[in-house]
């Protein structure tokens, strides 16, 4: 056996042991992919959000926004391997722009994201050819946030949430809001696959008592008919 073949066999065995020791997500479990913004340092609220999701048994991984294409390809492969497990993309600032691009790529790959959540996109204001539900949390008065509009080829549902009235948040902490985290977690949990109820066994057909055939009352005998006729003549 050559040295190269031995190395290949050892590598295969190591990968097998790693994959066997890693708990697999249940079929239908959503997978969440989050992307930070500029310089990969201004969006650590997404790490906190990912920790909250993982604590609830929902796999969540954080990326930098420049990895959106790699993210889309990986998410598509995972979803296919799990028979269509839901894909959720979350991004902040430039990561929000990247989330939209990733969603468009996932749609082109035939595995559209079920849910895309953006926090204050800064450079992208139009969602192109993509499917799924888009929820955009933004502020129009902080100098950065953008409202999203549906562009050519969009065939999903788009919801804009203007947060101008929330004075406690701005572009640099919008993705850290505990209130918004709770909304996102609830939206993701709602996508968990629910087992279909088993059909109830059909009840045996019963004939209603009112529809049962009643016994036919016997008619008068010959002697009774004759007596009746005599009585009628007498009258």
C-alpha atoms as a PDB file:
ATOM      1  CA  UNK A   1       0.000   0.000   0.000  1.00  0.00           C
ATOM      2  CA  UNK A   2       1.476   3.340  -1.051  1.00  0.00           C
ATOM      3  CA  UNK A   3       2.008   6.209   1.363  1.00  0.00           C
ATOM      4  CA  UNK A   4      -0.484   8.377  -0.542  1.00  0.00           C
ATOM      5  CA  UNK A   5      -3.191   5.722  -0.310  1.00  0.00           C
ATOM      6  CA  UNK A   6      -2.578   5.270   3.418  1.00  0.00           C
ATOM      7  CA  UNK A   7      -2.871   9.019   3.950  1.00  0.00           C
ATOM      8  CA  UNK A   8      -6.154   9.153   2.001  1.00  0.00           C
ATOM      9  CA  UNK A   9      -7.601   6.288   4.035  1.00  0.00           C
ATOM     10  CA  UNK A  10      -6.563   7.918   7.313  1.00  0.00           C
ATOM     11  CA  UNK A  11      -8.095  11.236   6.251  1.00  0.00           C
ATOM     12  CA  UNK A  12     -11.357   9.527   5.301  1.00  0.00           C
ATOM     13  CA  UNK A  13     -11.499   7.726   8.652  1.00  0.00           C
ATOM     14  CA  UNK A  14     -10.900  10.967  10.550  1.00  0.00           C
ATOM     15  CA  UNK A  15     -13.659  12.786   8.669  1.00  0.00           C
ATOM     16  CA  UNK A  16     -16.034   9.895   9.301  1.00  0.00           C
ATOM     17  CA  UNK A  17     -15.359   9.962  13.041  1.00  0.00           C
ATOM     18  CA  UNK A  18     -15.858  13.733  13.204  1.00  0.00           C
ATOM     19  CA  UNK A  19     -19.153  13.601  11.345  1.00  0.00           C
ATOM     20  CA  UNK A  20     -20.341  10.632  13.399  1.00  0.00           C
ATOM     21  CA  UNK A  21     -19.616  12.418  16.666  1.00  0.00           C
ATOM     22  CA  UNK A  22     -21.457  15.602  15.647  1.00  0.00           C
ATOM     23  CA  UNK A  23     -25.171  15.593  16.468  1.00  0.00           C
ATOM     24  CA  UNK A  24     -27.236  15.974  13.320  1.00  0.00           C
ATOM     25  CA  UNK A  25     -30.047  18.498  13.165  1.00  0.00           C
ATOM     26  CA  UNK A  26     -33.497  16.995  13.027  1.00  0.00           C
ATOM     27  CA  UNK A  27     -35.128  16.904   9.631  1.00  0.00           C
ATOM     28  CA  UNK A  28     -37.022  20.145   9.050  1.00  0.00           C
ATOM     29  CA  UNK A  29     -35.014  22.128  11.625  1.00  0.00           C
ATOM     30  CA  UNK A  30     -34.325  25.687  10.400  1.00  0.00           C
ATOM     31  CA  UNK A  31     -30.707  26.721   9.874  1.00  0.00           C
ATOM     32  CA  UNK A  32     -29.835  30.372  10.494  1.00  0.00           C
ATOM     33  CA  UNK A  33     -26.924  32.139   8.800  1.00  0.00           C
ATOM     34  CA  UNK A  34     -25.973  35.585  10.122  1.00  0.00           C
ATOM     35  CA  UNK A  35     -23.646  38.177   8.548  1.00  0.00           C
ATOM     36  CA  UNK A  36     -21.827  40.993  10.292  1.00  0.00           C
ATOM     37  CA  UNK A  37     -21.209  44.416   8.749  1.00  0.00           C
ATOM     38  CA  UNK A  38     -18.184  46.585   8.026  1.00  0.00           C
ATOM     39  CA  UNK A  39     -14.779  45.249   9.103  1.00  0.00           C
ATOM     40  CA  UNK A  40     -16.525  42.360  10.836  1.00  0.00           C
ATOM     41  CA  UNK A  41     -16.512  44.290  14.122  1.00  0.00           C
ATOM     42  CA  UNK A  42     -19.670  46.441  14.238  1.00  0.00           C
ATOM     43  CA  UNK A  43     -22.319  43.732  14.392  1.00  0.00           C
ATOM     44  CA  UNK A  44     -21.607  41.614  17.435  1.00  0.00           C
ATOM     45  CA  UNK A  45     -25.248  41.736  18.383  1.00  0.00           C
ATOM     46  CA  UNK A  46     -25.639  39.008  15.770  1.00  0.00           C
ATOM     47  CA  UNK A  47     -23.317  36.769  17.802  1.00  0.00           C
ATOM     48  CA  UNK A  48     -25.615  37.253  20.782  1.00  0.00           C
ATOM     49  CA  UNK A  49     -28.627  36.446  18.590  1.00  0.00           C
ATOM     50  CA  UNK A  50     -26.895  33.311  17.272  1.00  0.00           C
ATOM     51  CA  UNK A  51     -26.221  32.171  20.856  1.00  0.00           C
ATOM     52  CA  UNK A  52     -29.922  32.589  21.726  1.00  0.00           C
ATOM     53  CA  UNK A  53     -30.936  30.508  18.714  1.00  0.00           C
ATOM     54  CA  UNK A  54     -28.397  27.762  19.401  1.00  0.00           C
ATOM     55  CA  UNK A  55     -29.602  27.582  23.006  1.00  0.00           C
ATOM     56  CA  UNK A  56     -33.046  26.750  21.621  1.00  0.00           C
ATOM     57  CA  UNK A  57     -31.739  23.955  19.437  1.00  0.00           C
ATOM     58  CA  UNK A  58     -31.702  25.977  16.210  1.00  0.00           C
ATOM     59  CA  UNK A  59     -28.318  25.816  14.421  1.00  0.00           C
ATOM     60  CA  UNK A  60     -26.996  29.351  13.850  1.00  0.00           C
ATOM     61  CA  UNK A  61     -23.601  30.418  12.452  1.00  0.00           C
ATOM     62  CA  UNK A  62     -22.126  33.913  12.047  1.00  0.00           C
ATOM     63  CA  UNK A  63     -20.179  34.956   8.925  1.00  0.00           C
ATOM     64  CA  UNK A  64     -18.557  38.142   7.693  1.00  0.00           C
ATOM     65  CA  UNK A  65     -20.488  39.853   4.926  1.00  0.00           C
ATOM     66  CA  UNK A  66     -17.877  39.104   2.244  1.00  0.00           C
ATOM     67  CA  UNK A  67     -18.608  35.380   2.565  1.00  0.00           C
ATOM     68  CA  UNK A  68     -22.206  35.631   1.299  1.00  0.00           C
ATOM     69  CA  UNK A  69     -21.621  33.480  -1.798  1.00  0.00           C
ATOM     70  CA  UNK A  70     -19.913  30.729   0.213  1.00  0.00           C
ATOM     71  CA  UNK A  71     -22.730  30.958   2.745  1.00  0.00           C
ATOM     72  CA  UNK A  72     -25.395  30.572   0.051  1.00  0.00           C
ATOM     73  CA  UNK A  73     -23.716  27.524  -1.453  1.00  0.00           C
ATOM     74  CA  UNK A  74     -23.303  25.863   1.945  1.00  0.00           C
ATOM     75  CA  UNK A  75     -26.875  26.656   3.018  1.00  0.00           C
ATOM     76  CA  UNK A  76     -28.219  25.211  -0.231  1.00  0.00           C
ATOM     77  CA  UNK A  77     -26.235  21.992   0.205  1.00  0.00           C
ATOM     78  CA  UNK A  78     -27.351  21.568   3.830  1.00  0.00           C
ATOM     79  CA  UNK A  79     -30.998  22.174   2.962  1.00  0.00           C
ATOM     80  CA  UNK A  80     -30.902  19.608   0.143  1.00  0.00           C
ATOM     81  CA  UNK A  81     -29.215  17.028   2.370  1.00  0.00           C
ATOM     82  CA  UNK A  82     -31.984  17.474   4.942  1.00  0.00           C
ATOM     83  CA  UNK A  83     -34.847  17.258   2.449  1.00  0.00           C
ATOM     84  CA  UNK A  84     -35.606  20.949   2.350  1.00  0.00           C
ATOM     85  CA  UNK A  85     -34.863  22.214   5.863  1.00  0.00           C
ATOM     86  CA  UNK A  86     -35.723  25.952   6.077  1.00  0.00           C
ATOM     87  CA  UNK A  87     -32.967  28.484   5.400  1.00  0.00           C
ATOM     88  CA  UNK A  88     -32.943  31.784   7.314  1.00  0.00           C
ATOM     89  CA  UNK A  89     -30.541  34.620   6.476  1.00  0.00           C
ATOM     90  CA  UNK A  90     -29.928  37.529   8.872  1.00  0.00           C
ATOM     91  CA  UNK A  91     -27.650  40.495   8.230  1.00  0.00           C
ATOM     92  CA  UNK A  92     -26.748  43.927   9.611  1.00  0.00           C
ATOM     93  CA  UNK A  93     -25.532  46.960   7.638  1.00  0.00           C
ATOM     94  CA  UNK A  94     -23.273  45.669   4.850  1.00  0.00           C
ATOM     95  CA  UNK A  95     -24.223  42.228   6.119  1.00  0.00           C
ATOM     96  CA  UNK A  96     -27.849  43.123   5.371  1.00  0.00           C
ATOM     97  CA  UNK A  97     -26.865  43.999   1.799  1.00  0.00           C
ATOM     98  CA  UNK A  98     -25.048  40.658   1.585  1.00  0.00           C
ATOM     99  CA  UNK A  99     -28.111  38.836   2.980  1.00  0.00           C
ATOM    100  CA  UNK A 100     -30.155  40.074   0.027  1.00  0.00           C
ATOM    101  CA  UNK A 101     -27.485  38.943  -2.440  1.00  0.00           C
ATOM    102  CA  UNK A 102     -27.298  35.560  -0.739  1.00  0.00           C
ATOM    103  CA  UNK A 103     -31.080  35.219  -0.939  1.00  0.00           C
ATOM    104  CA  UNK A 104     -31.025  35.926  -4.660  1.00  0.00           C
ATOM    105  CA  UNK A 105     -28.318  33.307  -5.170  1.00  0.00           C
ATOM    106  CA  UNK A 106     -30.204  30.730  -3.098  1.00  0.00           C
ATOM    107  CA  UNK A 107     -33.279  31.267  -5.265  1.00  0.00           C
ATOM    108  CA  UNK A 108     -31.167  30.774  -8.392  1.00  0.00           C
ATOM    109  CA  UNK A 109     -29.833  27.524  -6.871  1.00  0.00           C
ATOM    110  CA  UNK A 110     -33.383  26.257  -6.414  1.00  0.00           C
ATOM    111  CA  UNK A 111     -33.328  26.445  -2.604  1.00  0.00           C
ATOM    112  CA  UNK A 112     -34.768  29.876  -1.723  1.00  0.00           C
ATOM    113  CA  UNK A 113     -34.468  31.142   1.832  1.00  0.00           C
ATOM    114  CA  UNK A 114     -37.690  30.810   3.785  1.00  0.00           C
ATOM    115  CA  UNK A 115     -36.970  33.981   5.791  1.00  0.00           C
ATOM    116  CA  UNK A 116     -34.555  36.893   5.291  1.00  0.00           C
ATOM    117  CA  UNK A 117     -34.143  39.469   8.068  1.00  0.00           C
ATOM    118  CA  UNK A 118     -32.193  42.660   7.470  1.00  0.00           C
ATOM    119  CA  UNK A 119     -31.098  45.279  10.001  1.00  0.00           C
ATOM    120  CA  UNK A 120     -30.474  48.678   8.390  1.00  0.00           C
ATOM    121  CA  UNK A 121     -29.202  47.809   4.891  1.00  0.00           C
ATOM    122  CA  UNK A 122     -26.962  50.604   3.633  1.00  0.00           C
ATOM    123  CA  UNK A 123     -26.175  50.041  -0.029  1.00  0.00           C
ATOM    124  CA  UNK A 124     -28.975  47.834  -1.329  1.00  0.00           C
ATOM    125  CA  UNK A 125     -32.516  49.166  -1.468  1.00  0.00           C
ATOM    126  CA  UNK A 126     -34.086  46.755  -3.981  1.00  0.00           C
ATOM    127  CA  UNK A 127     -34.653  43.024  -3.681  1.00  0.00           C
ATOM    128  CA  UNK A 128     -34.238  41.376  -7.065  1.00  0.00           C
ATOM    129  CA  UNK A 129     -35.109  37.865  -8.267  1.00  0.00           C
ATOM    130  CA  UNK A 130     -35.709  36.070  -4.987  1.00  0.00           C
ATOM    131  CA  UNK A 131     -38.441  34.203  -3.152  1.00  0.00           C
ATOM    132  CA  UNK A 132     -39.321  33.905   0.513  1.00  0.00           C
ATOM    133  CA  UNK A 133     -40.347  36.315   3.258  1.00  0.00           C
ATOM    134  CA  UNK A 134     -38.248  39.447   3.790  1.00  0.00           C
ATOM    135  CA  UNK A 135     -38.469  41.535   6.975  1.00  0.00           C
ATOM    136  CA  UNK A 136     -36.476  44.759   6.986  1.00  0.00           C
ATOM    137  CA  UNK A 137     -35.844  46.536  10.300  1.00  0.00           C
ATOM    138  CA  UNK A 138     -34.548  50.014   9.506  1.00  0.00           C
ATOM    139  CA  UNK A 139     -34.391  53.658  10.492  1.00  0.00           C
ATOM    140  CA  UNK A 140     -34.719  56.337   7.840  1.00  0.00           C
ATOM    141  CA  UNK A 141     -33.402  59.059  10.157  1.00  0.00           C
ATOM    142  CA  UNK A 142     -30.042  57.653  11.259  1.00  0.00           C
ATOM    143  CA  UNK A 143     -28.150  58.455   8.079  1.00  0.00           C
ATOM    144  CA  UNK A 144     -27.618  54.834   7.052  1.00  0.00           C
ATOM    145  CA  UNK A 145     -30.743  52.679   6.968  1.00  0.00           C
ATOM    146  CA  UNK A 146     -32.686  51.997   3.786  1.00  0.00           C
ATOM    147  CA  UNK A 147     -36.252  50.987   3.049  1.00  0.00           C
ATOM    148  CA  UNK A 148     -36.428  47.989   0.722  1.00  0.00           C
ATOM    149  CA  UNK A 149     -38.552  47.758  -2.401  1.00  0.00           C
ATOM    150  CA  UNK A 150     -39.402  44.800  -4.636  1.00  0.00           C
ATOM    151  CA  UNK A 151     -37.536  44.785  -7.928  1.00  0.00           C
ATOM    152  CA  UNK A 152     -37.903  42.806 -11.174  1.00  0.00           C
ATOM    153  CA  UNK A 153     -38.175  39.078 -10.584  1.00  0.00           C
ATOM    154  CA  UNK A 154     -39.099  39.322  -6.906  1.00  0.00           C
ATOM    155  CA  UNK A 155     -41.761  36.774  -6.019  1.00  0.00           C
ATOM    156  CA  UNK A 156     -41.754  36.782  -2.244  1.00  0.00           C
ATOM    157  CA  UNK A 157     -43.285  38.894   0.510  1.00  0.00           C
ATOM    158  CA  UNK A 158     -41.588  42.072   1.712  1.00  0.00           C
ATOM    159  CA  UNK A 159     -42.266  43.846   5.016  1.00  0.00           C
ATOM    160  CA  UNK A 160     -40.535  47.064   6.093  1.00  0.00           C
ATOM    161  CA  UNK A 161     -40.426  47.972   9.797  1.00  0.00           C
ATOM    162  CA  UNK A 162     -39.591  51.650  10.262  1.00  0.00           C
ATOM    163  CA  UNK A 163     -38.048  52.116  13.719  1.00  0.00           C
ATOM    164  CA  UNK A 164     -37.559  55.894  13.644  1.00  0.00           C
ATOM    165  CA  UNK A 165     -39.647  56.188  16.806  1.00  0.00           C
ATOM    166  CA  UNK A 166     -37.233  54.004  18.796  1.00  0.00           C
ATOM    167  CA  UNK A 167     -34.867  56.718  20.018  1.00  0.00           C
ATOM    168  CA  UNK A 168     -32.766  54.254  22.037  1.00  0.00           C
ATOM    169  CA  UNK A 169     -31.392  52.560  18.921  1.00  0.00           C
ATOM    170  CA  UNK A 170     -29.282  53.721  15.992  1.00  0.00           C
ATOM    171  CA  UNK A 171     -27.431  52.138  13.110  1.00  0.00           C
ATOM    172  CA  UNK A 172     -24.679  50.802  15.361  1.00  0.00           C
ATOM    173  CA  UNK A 173     -26.857  49.015  17.896  1.00  0.00           C
ATOM    174  CA  UNK A 174     -30.048  48.152  16.017  1.00  0.00           C
ATOM    175  CA  UNK A 175     -28.955  44.505  15.738  1.00  0.00           C
ATOM    176  CA  UNK A 176     -28.351  44.369  19.513  1.00  0.00           C
ATOM    177  CA  UNK A 177     -31.914  45.217  20.582  1.00  0.00           C
ATOM    178  CA  UNK A 178     -33.338  42.540  22.925  1.00  0.00           C
ATOM    179  CA  UNK A 179     -36.834  43.412  21.707  1.00  0.00           C
ATOM    180  CA  UNK A 180     -35.917  42.764  18.089  1.00  0.00           C
ATOM    181  CA  UNK A 181     -34.011  39.631  19.079  1.00  0.00           C
ATOM    182  CA  UNK A 182     -37.175  38.272  20.676  1.00  0.00           C
ATOM    183  CA  UNK A 183     -39.130  38.946  17.491  1.00  0.00           C
ATOM    184  CA  UNK A 184     -36.509  37.232  15.341  1.00  0.00           C
ATOM    185  CA  UNK A 185     -36.307  34.180  17.613  1.00  0.00           C
ATOM    186  CA  UNK A 186     -40.092  33.855  17.594  1.00  0.00           C
ATOM    187  CA  UNK A 187     -40.190  34.109  13.788  1.00  0.00           C
ATOM    188  CA  UNK A 188     -37.542  31.412  13.418  1.00  0.00           C
ATOM    189  CA  UNK A 189     -39.178  29.090  15.926  1.00  0.00           C
ATOM    190  CA  UNK A 190     -42.439  29.410  14.004  1.00  0.00           C
ATOM    191  CA  UNK A 191     -40.719  27.797  11.024  1.00  0.00           C
ATOM    192  CA  UNK A 192     -39.936  24.604  12.899  1.00  0.00           C
ATOM    193  CA  UNK A 193     -41.605  21.687  11.152  1.00  0.00           C
ATOM    194  CA  UNK A 194     -44.617  20.438  13.030  1.00  0.00           C
ATOM    195  CA  UNK A 195     -45.589  16.767  12.680  1.00  0.00           C
ATOM    196  CA  UNK A 196     -48.775  16.314  10.725  1.00  0.00           C
ATOM    197  CA  UNK A 197     -51.635  14.945  12.853  1.00  0.00           C
ATOM    198  CA  UNK A 198     -52.487  11.340  12.120  1.00  0.00           C
ATOM    199  CA  UNK A 199     -55.864  10.937  10.438  1.00  0.00           C
ATOM    200  CA  UNK A 200     -58.560   9.645  12.725  1.00  0.00           C
ATOM    201  CA  UNK A 201     -59.885   6.174  11.863  1.00  0.00           C
ATOM    202  CA  UNK A 202     -63.192   6.298  10.033  1.00  0.00           C
ATOM    203  CA  UNK A 203     -66.168   5.457  12.236  1.00  0.00           C
ATOM    204  CA  UNK A 204     -68.203   2.443  11.117  1.00  0.00           C
ATOM    205  CA  UNK A 205     -71.336   3.372   9.199  1.00  0.00           C
ATOM    206  CA  UNK A 206     -74.394   3.034  11.393  1.00  0.00           C
ATOM    207  CA  UNK A 207     -77.992   2.914  10.140  1.00  0.00           C
ATOM    208  CA  UNK A 208     -80.064   5.472  12.045  1.00  0.00           C
ATOM    209  CA  UNK A 209     -82.898   3.999  14.028  1.00  0.00           C
ATOM    210  CA  UNK A 210     -85.282   6.288  12.177  1.00  0.00           C
ATOM    211  CA  UNK A 211     -84.195   4.741   8.877  1.00  0.00           C
ATOM    212  CA  UNK A 212     -84.626   1.125  10.052  1.00  0.00           C
ATOM    213  CA  UNK A 213     -87.329  -0.742   8.207  1.00  0.00           C
ATOM    214  CA  UNK A 214     -90.364  -1.014  10.458  1.00  0.00           C
ATOM    215  CA  UNK A 215     -92.275  -4.315  10.433  1.00  0.00           C
ATOM    216  CA  UNK A 216     -95.417  -4.168   8.319  1.00  0.00           C
ATOM    217  CA  UNK A 217     -98.590  -4.376  10.369  1.00  0.00           C
ATOM    218  CA  UNK A 218    -100.776  -7.323   9.320  1.00  0.00           C
ATOM    219  CA  UNK A 219    -103.976  -6.355   7.448  1.00  0.00           C
ATOM    220  CA  UNK A 220    -107.449  -7.491   8.479  1.00  0.00           C
ATOM    221  CA  UNK A 221    -108.328 -11.136   7.915  1.00  0.00           C
ATOM    222  CA  UNK A 222    -111.203 -12.320   5.725  1.00  0.00           C
ATOM    223  CA  UNK A 223    -113.671 -12.543   8.642  1.00  0.00           C
ATOM    224  CA  UNK A 224    -112.781  -9.008   9.739  1.00  0.00           C
ATOM    225  CA  UNK A 225    -113.319  -7.679   6.196  1.00  0.00           C
ATOM    226  CA  UNK A 226    -116.694  -9.362   6.017  1.00  0.00           C
ATOM    227  CA  UNK A 227    -117.738  -7.926   9.361  1.00  0.00           C
ATOM    228  CA  UNK A 228    -116.723  -4.493   8.256  1.00  0.00           C
ATOM    229  CA  UNK A 229    -118.705  -4.788   5.040  1.00  0.00           C
ATOM    230  CA  UNK A 230    -121.826  -5.936   6.941  1.00  0.00           C
ATOM    231  CA  UNK A 231    -121.537  -3.026   9.310  1.00  0.00           C
ATOM    232  CA  UNK A 232    -121.293  -0.551   6.449  1.00  0.00           C
ATOM    233  CA  UNK A 233    -124.492  -2.009   4.835  1.00  0.00           C
ATOM    234  CA  UNK A 234    -126.302  -1.779   8.103  1.00  0.00           C
ATOM    235  CA  UNK A 235    -125.510   1.902   8.307  1.00  0.00           C
END
